[in-house]
Amino acid sequence: MRGKILIPQTIRRPSPVPVAVEAEVFDDDVLENQVLAAALQRLRVDTTISQSVRVAAHREWREVRHVTELRDPLKDAERIQWSRHNRRYEPAIMLAKLVLAAGSIIVDGQEIAVPGFVVNMPAVVEQWARVQLRQAWALSEREMPDSWRGKLWLDEGKQIPLYPDLAVRTSGTWRFVGDVKYKFLDSTGPNQADVYQLLAYLTATGLPEGTLLHANISSGESNYVVANGGPRIRIVSIDLSQERAAASLKKAAATWISRSPQPTDEFGHAN
């Protein structure tokens, strides 16, 4: 509890007590705990998971069951602003969001509610790569955010937005752009649509090279240079089953940052 004594109101009172105060009460009924309570409530009644997990979820839920119930906890979870004060909650909230992304599926043409949750593996791998590269390049989330929505367009009229999975811009200059593909890279080479997508990112940022990162069953790298003096497209595959997958990615990424970053105009294009 934090507050102050209201001196003018206290002086005007005929008796010395009670003293007039203004206070703010800080308790544990915060958005983070509200989201966790919603996820634990779902787990404790989910009969598709083991009894031991349901018991553990129930035990933890009892610690936060008194907090305010959210109408749409998954949507509310997106409102959480991370800072040094609540950063310790982030891993738990990320897991809670996966649990809350539950729904129903259709079995044999009939709508049957099936308890469970769906893991968006492309998004998981994409975020994993983003975190590893931030650490490798010592960047902040401001310099390499989770989303570039509203920051990059292919055309000057801002009619064709671009959303690279991986990009770095510091002091108004683009230093890296890339995309993550949760698909195997076989002997036929990269998918043409994926290459064209990265080429659009390179055109908009003016960078001389970019990276397509594949989650694959084997590791490797290949390079393609666009005709007529165009940019270089780097195709990299990382075997996520390897124990040192993160270390391999960080080692490979050591030279990916452009040494000649491109300044950008108000549209996000390179000058």
C-alpha atoms as a PDB file:
ATOM      1  CA  MET A   1       0.000   0.000   0.000  1.00  0.00           C
ATOM      2  CA  ARG A   2       1.224   3.468  -0.866  1.00  0.00           C
ATOM      3  CA  GLY A   3      -0.467   6.759  -0.065  1.00  0.00           C
ATOM      4  CA  LYS A   4      -0.433  10.126   1.637  1.00  0.00           C
ATOM      5  CA  ILE A   5      -2.240  11.989   4.403  1.00  0.00           C
ATOM      6  CA  LEU A   6      -4.702  14.606   3.152  1.00  0.00           C
ATOM      7  CA  ILE A   7      -3.689  17.490   5.412  1.00  0.00           C
ATOM      8  CA  PRO A   8      -6.417  20.066   4.462  1.00  0.00           C
ATOM      9  CA  GLN A   9      -9.260  17.554   4.955  1.00  0.00           C
ATOM     10  CA  THR A  10      -7.772  16.305   8.231  1.00  0.00           C
ATOM     11  CA  ILE A  11      -7.439  19.842   9.636  1.00  0.00           C
ATOM     12  CA  ARG A  12     -11.075  20.655   8.847  1.00  0.00           C
ATOM     13  CA  ARG A  13     -12.332  17.638  10.783  1.00  0.00           C
ATOM     14  CA  PRO A  14     -13.681  18.332  14.333  1.00  0.00           C
ATOM     15  CA  SER A  15     -11.864  15.323  15.801  1.00  0.00           C
ATOM     16  CA  PRO A  16      -8.271  14.149  15.285  1.00  0.00           C
ATOM     17  CA  VAL A  17      -9.393  10.702  14.098  1.00  0.00           C
ATOM     18  CA  PRO A  18      -9.895   9.209  11.663  1.00  0.00           C
ATOM     19  CA  VAL A  19      -7.150  10.774   9.596  1.00  0.00           C
ATOM     20  CA  ALA A  20      -8.063  11.471   5.962  1.00  0.00           C
ATOM     21  CA  VAL A  21      -5.765   9.605   3.590  1.00  0.00           C
ATOM     22  CA  GLU A  22      -5.453   8.806  -0.090  1.00  0.00           C
ATOM     23  CA  ALA A  23      -3.916   5.425  -0.893  1.00  0.00           C
ATOM     24  CA  GLU A  24      -3.212   3.027  -3.700  1.00  0.00           C
ATOM     25  CA  VAL A  25      -3.321  -0.690  -2.927  1.00  0.00           C
ATOM     26  CA  PHE A  26      -0.950  -2.979  -4.818  1.00  0.00           C
ATOM     27  CA  ASP A  27      -2.026  -6.619  -4.751  1.00  0.00           C
ATOM     28  CA  ASP A  28      -1.655  -9.658  -6.975  1.00  0.00           C
ATOM     29  CA  ASP A  29      -4.848  -9.088  -9.009  1.00  0.00           C
ATOM     30  CA  VAL A  30      -2.855  -8.080 -12.069  1.00  0.00           C
ATOM     31  CA  LEU A  31      -3.295  -8.955 -15.744  1.00  0.00           C
ATOM     32  CA  GLU A  32      -0.443 -11.451 -15.700  1.00  0.00           C
ATOM     33  CA  ASN A  33      -2.031 -13.490 -12.901  1.00  0.00           C
ATOM     34  CA  GLN A  34      -5.469 -13.192 -14.516  1.00  0.00           C
ATOM     35  CA  VAL A  35      -4.141 -14.746 -17.731  1.00  0.00           C
ATOM     36  CA  LEU A  36      -2.355 -17.507 -15.804  1.00  0.00           C
ATOM     37  CA  ALA A  37      -5.521 -18.248 -13.827  1.00  0.00           C
ATOM     38  CA  ALA A  38      -7.507 -18.658 -17.051  1.00  0.00           C
ATOM     39  CA  ALA A  39      -4.943 -21.076 -18.500  1.00  0.00           C
ATOM     40  CA  LEU A  40      -4.725 -23.105 -15.272  1.00  0.00           C
ATOM     41  CA  GLN A  41      -8.519 -23.304 -15.086  1.00  0.00           C
ATOM     42  CA  ARG A  42      -8.571 -24.820 -18.563  1.00  0.00           C
ATOM     43  CA  LEU A  43      -5.839 -27.335 -17.740  1.00  0.00           C
ATOM     44  CA  ARG A  44      -7.364 -28.505 -14.461  1.00  0.00           C
ATOM     45  CA  VAL A  45     -10.559 -29.697 -16.204  1.00  0.00           C
ATOM     46  CA  ASP A  46      -8.973 -31.046 -19.396  1.00  0.00           C
ATOM     47  CA  THR A  47      -9.548 -34.817 -19.299  1.00  0.00           C
ATOM     48  CA  THR A  48      -7.244 -35.415 -22.280  1.00  0.00           C
ATOM     49  CA  ILE A  49      -4.140 -34.733 -20.199  1.00  0.00           C
ATOM     50  CA  SER A  50      -2.728 -36.855 -17.404  1.00  0.00           C
ATOM     51  CA  GLN A  51      -4.166 -36.852 -13.914  1.00  0.00           C
ATOM     52  CA  SER A  52      -0.853 -35.659 -12.466  1.00  0.00           C
ATOM     53  CA  VAL A  53      -0.823 -32.605 -14.730  1.00  0.00           C
ATOM     54  CA  ARG A  54      -4.434 -31.766 -13.842  1.00  0.00           C
ATOM     55  CA  VAL A  55      -3.632 -32.076 -10.139  1.00  0.00           C
ATOM     56  CA  ALA A  56      -0.591 -29.818 -10.513  1.00  0.00           C
ATOM     57  CA  ALA A  57      -2.644 -27.279 -12.484  1.00  0.00           C
ATOM     58  CA  HIS A  58      -5.364 -27.353  -9.819  1.00  0.00           C
ATOM     59  CA  ARG A  59      -2.802 -26.778  -7.073  1.00  0.00           C
ATOM     60  CA  GLU A  60      -1.390 -23.727  -8.862  1.00  0.00           C
ATOM     61  CA  TRP A  61      -4.853 -22.461  -9.786  1.00  0.00           C
ATOM     62  CA  ARG A  62      -5.810 -22.330  -6.099  1.00  0.00           C
ATOM     63  CA  GLU A  63      -3.074 -19.719  -5.601  1.00  0.00           C
ATOM     64  CA  VAL A  64      -4.611 -17.349  -8.188  1.00  0.00           C
ATOM     65  CA  ARG A  65      -8.302 -18.268  -8.255  1.00  0.00           C
ATOM     66  CA  HIS A  66      -9.239 -15.054  -6.414  1.00  0.00           C
ATOM     67  CA  VAL A  67      -8.127 -12.744  -9.245  1.00  0.00           C
ATOM     68  CA  THR A  68     -10.562 -11.090 -11.642  1.00  0.00           C
ATOM     69  CA  GLU A  69     -11.920 -13.408 -14.332  1.00  0.00           C
ATOM     70  CA  LEU A  70     -11.236 -12.305 -17.908  1.00  0.00           C
ATOM     71  CA  ARG A  71     -13.864 -12.551 -20.659  1.00  0.00           C
ATOM     72  CA  ASP A  72     -11.246 -13.055 -23.381  1.00  0.00           C
ATOM     73  CA  PRO A  73      -7.952 -13.984 -21.686  1.00  0.00           C
ATOM     74  CA  LEU A  74      -6.125 -14.780 -24.943  1.00  0.00           C
ATOM     75  CA  LYS A  75      -6.888 -11.330 -26.341  1.00  0.00           C
ATOM     76  CA  ASP A  76      -6.122  -9.656 -23.017  1.00  0.00           C
ATOM     77  CA  ALA A  77      -2.742 -11.422 -22.889  1.00  0.00           C
ATOM     78  CA  GLU A  78      -1.675  -9.389 -25.917  1.00  0.00           C
ATOM     79  CA  ARG A  79      -2.092  -6.198 -23.866  1.00  0.00           C
ATOM     80  CA  ILE A  80       0.678  -7.096 -21.446  1.00  0.00           C
ATOM     81  CA  GLN A  81       3.565  -4.629 -21.672  1.00  0.00           C
ATOM     82  CA  TRP A  82       6.899  -6.212 -20.774  1.00  0.00           C
ATOM     83  CA  SER A  83       9.399  -4.389 -18.588  1.00  0.00           C
ATOM     84  CA  ARG A  84      12.053  -5.238 -16.033  1.00  0.00           C
ATOM     85  CA  HIS A  85       9.299  -5.397 -13.414  1.00  0.00           C
ATOM     86  CA  ASN A  86       7.339  -8.263 -15.002  1.00  0.00           C
ATOM     87  CA  ARG A  87       9.851  -9.891 -17.365  1.00  0.00           C
ATOM     88  CA  ARG A  88       9.986 -12.980 -15.137  1.00  0.00           C
ATOM     89  CA  TYR A  89       6.367 -13.692 -16.102  1.00  0.00           C
ATOM     90  CA  GLU A  90       7.088 -13.873 -19.846  1.00  0.00           C
ATOM     91  CA  PRO A  91       7.870 -17.620 -20.219  1.00  0.00           C
ATOM     92  CA  ALA A  92       4.765 -18.554 -18.203  1.00  0.00           C
ATOM     93  CA  ILE A  93       2.547 -16.167 -20.178  1.00  0.00           C
ATOM     94  CA  MET A  94       3.851 -17.531 -23.497  1.00  0.00           C
ATOM     95  CA  LEU A  95       2.899 -21.044 -22.376  1.00  0.00           C
ATOM     96  CA  ALA A  96      -0.470 -19.803 -21.096  1.00  0.00           C
ATOM     97  CA  LYS A  97      -1.231 -18.289 -24.506  1.00  0.00           C
ATOM     98  CA  LEU A  98      -0.611 -21.674 -26.146  1.00  0.00           C
ATOM     99  CA  VAL A  99      -2.990 -23.336 -23.690  1.00  0.00           C
ATOM    100  CA  LEU A 100      -5.667 -20.677 -24.220  1.00  0.00           C
ATOM    101  CA  ALA A 101      -5.549 -21.086 -28.000  1.00  0.00           C
ATOM    102  CA  ALA A 102      -7.886 -24.080 -27.708  1.00  0.00           C
ATOM    103  CA  GLY A 103     -10.909 -24.824 -29.864  1.00  0.00           C
ATOM    104  CA  SER A 104     -13.008 -27.470 -31.564  1.00  0.00           C
ATOM    105  CA  ILE A 105     -12.349 -29.718 -34.539  1.00  0.00           C
ATOM    106  CA  ILE A 106     -14.640 -31.517 -36.970  1.00  0.00           C
ATOM    107  CA  VAL A 107     -14.553 -35.328 -36.859  1.00  0.00           C
ATOM    108  CA  ASP A 108     -16.281 -37.297 -39.665  1.00  0.00           C
ATOM    109  CA  GLY A 109     -18.337 -34.301 -40.694  1.00  0.00           C
ATOM    110  CA  GLN A 110     -19.655 -33.661 -37.203  1.00  0.00           C
ATOM    111  CA  GLU A 111     -18.719 -30.808 -34.934  1.00  0.00           C
ATOM    112  CA  ILE A 112     -17.260 -32.398 -31.820  1.00  0.00           C
ATOM    113  CA  ALA A 113     -15.633 -30.366 -29.076  1.00  0.00           C
ATOM    114  CA  VAL A 114     -12.199 -31.774 -28.414  1.00  0.00           C
ATOM    115  CA  PRO A 115     -10.347 -30.324 -25.403  1.00  0.00           C
ATOM    116  CA  GLY A 116      -6.777 -29.428 -26.171  1.00  0.00           C
ATOM    117  CA  PHE A 117      -4.632 -26.728 -27.669  1.00  0.00           C
ATOM    118  CA  VAL A 118      -2.900 -26.153 -30.973  1.00  0.00           C
ATOM    119  CA  VAL A 119       0.760 -25.201 -31.209  1.00  0.00           C
ATOM    120  CA  ASN A 120       1.505 -22.904 -34.139  1.00  0.00           C
ATOM    121  CA  MET A 121       4.873 -24.420 -34.969  1.00  0.00           C
ATOM    122  CA  PRO A 122       5.809 -21.901 -37.715  1.00  0.00           C
ATOM    123  CA  ALA A 123       5.277 -19.097 -35.193  1.00  0.00           C
ATOM    124  CA  VAL A 124       7.233 -20.967 -32.498  1.00  0.00           C
ATOM    125  CA  VAL A 125      10.230 -21.559 -34.792  1.00  0.00           C
ATOM    126  CA  GLU A 126      10.042 -17.984 -36.061  1.00  0.00           C
ATOM    127  CA  GLN A 127      10.156 -16.596 -32.515  1.00  0.00           C
ATOM    128  CA  TRP A 128      12.958 -18.987 -31.564  1.00  0.00           C
ATOM    129  CA  ALA A 129      15.072 -17.746 -34.472  1.00  0.00           C
ATOM    130  CA  ARG A 130      14.307 -14.132 -33.618  1.00  0.00           C
ATOM    131  CA  VAL A 131      15.395 -14.556 -29.996  1.00  0.00           C
ATOM    132  CA  GLN A 132      18.615 -16.342 -30.990  1.00  0.00           C
ATOM    133  CA  LEU A 133      19.559 -13.618 -33.457  1.00  0.00           C
ATOM    134  CA  ARG A 134      18.815 -10.856 -30.960  1.00  0.00           C
ATOM    135  CA  GLN A 135      21.202 -12.527 -28.548  1.00  0.00           C
ATOM    136  CA  ALA A 136      23.854 -13.139 -31.209  1.00  0.00           C
ATOM    137  CA  TRP A 137      23.807  -9.513 -32.347  1.00  0.00           C
ATOM    138  CA  ALA A 138      23.155  -7.944 -28.902  1.00  0.00           C
ATOM    139  CA  LEU A 139      20.034  -6.172 -30.122  1.00  0.00           C
ATOM    140  CA  SER A 140      16.976  -4.882 -28.296  1.00  0.00           C
ATOM    141  CA  GLU A 141      13.366  -5.672 -29.173  1.00  0.00           C
ATOM    142  CA  ARG A 142      13.084  -2.127 -30.501  1.00  0.00           C
ATOM    143  CA  GLU A 143      15.859  -2.751 -33.025  1.00  0.00           C
ATOM    144  CA  MET A 144      14.557  -6.215 -33.914  1.00  0.00           C
ATOM    145  CA  PRO A 145      10.857  -6.346 -32.980  1.00  0.00           C
ATOM    146  CA  ASP A 146       8.503  -9.287 -33.273  1.00  0.00           C
ATOM    147  CA  SER A 147       6.489  -7.503 -35.967  1.00  0.00           C
ATOM    148  CA  TRP A 148       7.261  -4.902 -38.623  1.00  0.00           C
ATOM    149  CA  ARG A 149       3.595  -4.210 -39.349  1.00  0.00           C
ATOM    150  CA  GLY A 150       3.160  -0.641 -40.548  1.00  0.00           C
ATOM    151  CA  LYS A 151       6.921  -0.109 -41.001  1.00  0.00           C
ATOM    152  CA  LEU A 152       7.786  -1.417 -44.476  1.00  0.00           C
ATOM    153  CA  TRP A 153       6.088  -1.153 -47.875  1.00  0.00           C
ATOM    154  CA  LEU A 154       7.063  -2.277 -51.350  1.00  0.00           C
ATOM    155  CA  ASP A 155       5.639   0.832 -53.039  1.00  0.00           C
ATOM    156  CA  GLU A 156       5.935   4.533 -52.293  1.00  0.00           C
ATOM    157  CA  GLY A 157       2.168   4.879 -51.986  1.00  0.00           C
ATOM    158  CA  LYS A 158       2.101   2.455 -49.060  1.00  0.00           C
ATOM    159  CA  GLN A 159      -0.410   0.185 -50.762  1.00  0.00           C
ATOM    160  CA  ILE A 160       1.640  -3.030 -50.588  1.00  0.00           C
ATOM    161  CA  PRO A 161       2.765  -3.729 -46.998  1.00  0.00           C
ATOM    162  CA  LEU A 162       5.604  -6.119 -46.263  1.00  0.00           C
ATOM    163  CA  TYR A 163       5.995  -8.190 -43.093  1.00  0.00           C
ATOM    164  CA  PRO A 164       9.448  -9.785 -42.840  1.00  0.00           C
ATOM    165  CA  ASP A 165       9.806 -12.359 -40.069  1.00  0.00           C
ATOM    166  CA  LEU A 166      13.327 -11.155 -39.323  1.00  0.00           C
ATOM    167  CA  ALA A 167      14.611  -7.625 -39.793  1.00  0.00           C
ATOM    168  CA  VAL A 168      16.945  -5.207 -38.071  1.00  0.00           C
ATOM    169  CA  ARG A 169      16.863  -1.419 -38.301  1.00  0.00           C
ATOM    170  CA  THR A 170      19.017   0.795 -36.109  1.00  0.00           C
ATOM    171  CA  SER A 171      19.159   4.592 -36.143  1.00  0.00           C
ATOM    172  CA  GLY A 172      16.816   4.678 -39.131  1.00  0.00           C
ATOM    173  CA  THR A 173      18.914   2.317 -41.264  1.00  0.00           C
ATOM    174  CA  TRP A 174      18.200  -1.246 -42.368  1.00  0.00           C
ATOM    175  CA  ARG A 175      20.916  -3.707 -41.452  1.00  0.00           C
ATOM    176  CA  PHE A 176      19.332  -7.104 -42.041  1.00  0.00           C
ATOM    177  CA  VAL A 177      16.222  -8.700 -43.496  1.00  0.00           C
ATOM    178  CA  GLY A 178      15.182 -12.329 -43.677  1.00  0.00           C
ATOM    179  CA  ASP A 179      12.335 -14.803 -43.415  1.00  0.00           C
ATOM    180  CA  VAL A 180      11.770 -18.082 -41.572  1.00  0.00           C
ATOM    181  CA  LYS A 181      10.243 -21.124 -43.272  1.00  0.00           C
ATOM    182  CA  TYR A 182       9.001 -24.073 -41.254  1.00  0.00           C
ATOM    183  CA  LYS A 183       9.440 -26.505 -44.129  1.00  0.00           C
ATOM    184  CA  PHE A 184      12.031 -28.998 -45.299  1.00  0.00           C
ATOM    185  CA  LEU A 185      14.521 -27.896 -47.916  1.00  0.00           C
ATOM    186  CA  ASP A 186      15.006 -30.816 -50.322  1.00  0.00           C
ATOM    187  CA  SER A 187      17.333 -31.388 -53.289  1.00  0.00           C
ATOM    188  CA  THR A 188      15.147 -29.299 -55.606  1.00  0.00           C
ATOM    189  CA  GLY A 189      16.194 -26.138 -53.784  1.00  0.00           C
ATOM    190  CA  PRO A 190      14.156 -23.308 -52.278  1.00  0.00           C
ATOM    191  CA  ASN A 191      10.539 -22.606 -53.157  1.00  0.00           C
ATOM    192  CA  GLN A 192      10.331 -19.921 -55.848  1.00  0.00           C
ATOM    193  CA  ALA A 193       7.570 -18.008 -54.031  1.00  0.00           C
ATOM    194  CA  ASP A 194       9.761 -17.850 -50.911  1.00  0.00           C
ATOM    195  CA  VAL A 195      12.662 -16.464 -52.961  1.00  0.00           C
ATOM    196  CA  TYR A 196      10.419 -13.845 -54.579  1.00  0.00           C
ATOM    197  CA  GLN A 197       9.151 -12.866 -51.133  1.00  0.00           C
ATOM    198  CA  LEU A 198      12.670 -12.262 -49.856  1.00  0.00           C
ATOM    199  CA  LEU A 199      13.551 -10.395 -53.047  1.00  0.00           C
ATOM    200  CA  ALA A 200      10.670  -8.001 -52.332  1.00  0.00           C
ATOM    201  CA  TYR A 201      12.076  -7.374 -48.848  1.00  0.00           C
ATOM    202  CA  LEU A 202      15.521  -6.677 -50.309  1.00  0.00           C
ATOM    203  CA  THR A 203      14.062  -4.324 -52.903  1.00  0.00           C
ATOM    204  CA  ALA A 204      12.205  -2.329 -50.260  1.00  0.00           C
ATOM    205  CA  THR A 205      15.118  -2.112 -47.812  1.00  0.00           C
ATOM    206  CA  GLY A 206      17.887  -1.699 -50.398  1.00  0.00           C
ATOM    207  CA  LEU A 207      20.067  -4.265 -48.658  1.00  0.00           C
ATOM    208  CA  PRO A 208      22.648  -6.171 -50.729  1.00  0.00           C
ATOM    209  CA  GLU A 209      21.773  -9.564 -49.217  1.00  0.00           C
ATOM    210  CA  GLY A 210      19.138 -11.370 -47.207  1.00  0.00           C
ATOM    211  CA  THR A 211      18.511 -14.768 -45.618  1.00  0.00           C
ATOM    212  CA  LEU A 212      15.870 -17.473 -45.930  1.00  0.00           C
ATOM    213  CA  LEU A 213      16.099 -19.634 -42.809  1.00  0.00           C
ATOM    214  CA  HIS A 214      14.648 -23.155 -42.999  1.00  0.00           C
ATOM    215  CA  ALA A 215      13.913 -25.556 -40.159  1.00  0.00           C
ATOM    216  CA  ASN A 216      15.321 -28.703 -41.727  1.00  0.00           C
ATOM    217  CA  ILE A 217      16.532 -32.218 -41.011  1.00  0.00           C
ATOM    218  CA  SER A 218      20.080 -31.254 -41.932  1.00  0.00           C
ATOM    219  CA  SER A 219      22.168 -28.110 -41.800  1.00  0.00           C
ATOM    220  CA  GLY A 220      23.693 -26.283 -44.714  1.00  0.00           C
ATOM    221  CA  GLU A 221      23.938 -23.039 -46.685  1.00  0.00           C
ATOM    222  CA  SER A 222      23.661 -22.056 -50.341  1.00  0.00           C
ATOM    223  CA  ASN A 223      23.740 -18.691 -52.092  1.00  0.00           C
ATOM    224  CA  TYR A 224      22.069 -17.228 -55.170  1.00  0.00           C
ATOM    225  CA  VAL A 225      22.942 -13.901 -56.765  1.00  0.00           C
ATOM    226  CA  VAL A 226      20.113 -12.154 -58.614  1.00  0.00           C
ATOM    227  CA  ALA A 227      20.943 -11.407 -62.276  1.00  0.00           C
ATOM    228  CA  ASN A 228      22.122  -7.993 -63.479  1.00  0.00           C
ATOM    229  CA  GLY A 229      23.936  -7.063 -60.307  1.00  0.00           C
ATOM    230  CA  GLY A 230      21.071  -7.843 -57.973  1.00  0.00           C
ATOM    231  CA  PRO A 231      21.254  -8.776 -54.289  1.00  0.00           C
ATOM    232  CA  ARG A 232      22.499 -12.073 -52.883  1.00  0.00           C
ATOM    233  CA  ILE A 233      19.952 -14.482 -51.423  1.00  0.00           C
ATOM    234  CA  ARG A 234      21.323 -16.755 -48.722  1.00  0.00           C
ATOM    235  CA  ILE A 235      19.488 -20.040 -48.066  1.00  0.00           C
ATOM    236  CA  VAL A 236      20.281 -21.522 -44.658  1.00  0.00           C
ATOM    237  CA  SER A 237      18.891 -24.692 -43.094  1.00  0.00           C
ATOM    238  CA  ILE A 238      19.197 -25.473 -39.388  1.00  0.00           C
ATOM    239  CA  ASP A 239      18.563 -28.932 -37.946  1.00  0.00           C
ATOM    240  CA  LEU A 240      16.410 -28.140 -34.920  1.00  0.00           C
ATOM    241  CA  SER A 241      16.820 -31.686 -33.597  1.00  0.00           C
ATOM    242  CA  GLN A 242      20.470 -30.976 -32.869  1.00  0.00           C
ATOM    243  CA  GLU A 243      21.347 -30.190 -29.269  1.00  0.00           C
ATOM    244  CA  ARG A 244      23.463 -27.242 -30.430  1.00  0.00           C
ATOM    245  CA  ALA A 245      20.949 -25.853 -32.923  1.00  0.00           C
ATOM    246  CA  ALA A 246      20.948 -22.434 -31.231  1.00  0.00           C
ATOM    247  CA  ALA A 247      24.756 -22.276 -31.185  1.00  0.00           C
ATOM    248  CA  SER A 248      24.865 -23.277 -34.861  1.00  0.00           C
ATOM    249  CA  LEU A 249      22.452 -20.509 -35.816  1.00  0.00           C
ATOM    250  CA  LYS A 250      24.362 -17.881 -33.852  1.00  0.00           C
ATOM    251  CA  LYS A 251      27.665 -18.949 -35.407  1.00  0.00           C
ATOM    252  CA  ALA A 252      26.239 -18.853 -38.936  1.00  0.00           C
ATOM    253  CA  ALA A 253      24.641 -15.441 -38.320  1.00  0.00           C
ATOM    254  CA  ALA A 254      27.903 -13.746 -37.315  1.00  0.00           C
ATOM    255  CA  THR A 255      28.357 -12.259 -40.822  1.00  0.00           C
ATOM    256  CA  TRP A 256      24.721 -11.654 -41.748  1.00  0.00           C
ATOM    257  CA  ILE A 257      24.489  -8.082 -40.447  1.00  0.00           C
ATOM    258  CA  SER A 258      25.201  -5.573 -43.213  1.00  0.00           C
ATOM    259  CA  ARG A 259      28.354  -3.506 -42.686  1.00  0.00           C
ATOM    260  CA  SER A 260      26.934  -0.766 -44.911  1.00  0.00           C
ATOM    261  CA  PRO A 261      23.412  -0.227 -43.564  1.00  0.00           C
ATOM    262  CA  GLN A 262      20.965   1.511 -45.870  1.00  0.00           C
ATOM    263  CA  PRO A 263      19.326   4.768 -44.659  1.00  0.00           C
ATOM    264  CA  THR A 264      15.590   4.810 -45.223  1.00  0.00           C
ATOM    265  CA  ASP A 265      13.053   7.463 -46.124  1.00  0.00           C
ATOM    266  CA  GLU A 266       9.627   8.039 -44.544  1.00  0.00           C
ATOM    267  CA  PHE A 267       8.204   5.065 -46.443  1.00  0.00           C
ATOM    268  CA  GLY A 268      10.803   2.606 -45.123  1.00  0.00           C
ATOM    269  CA  HIS A 269      12.593   2.477 -48.485  1.00  0.00           C
ATOM    270  CA  ALA A 270      16.362   2.739 -48.829  1.00  0.00           C
ATOM    271  CA  ASN A 271      17.597   6.142 -49.948  1.00  0.00           C
END
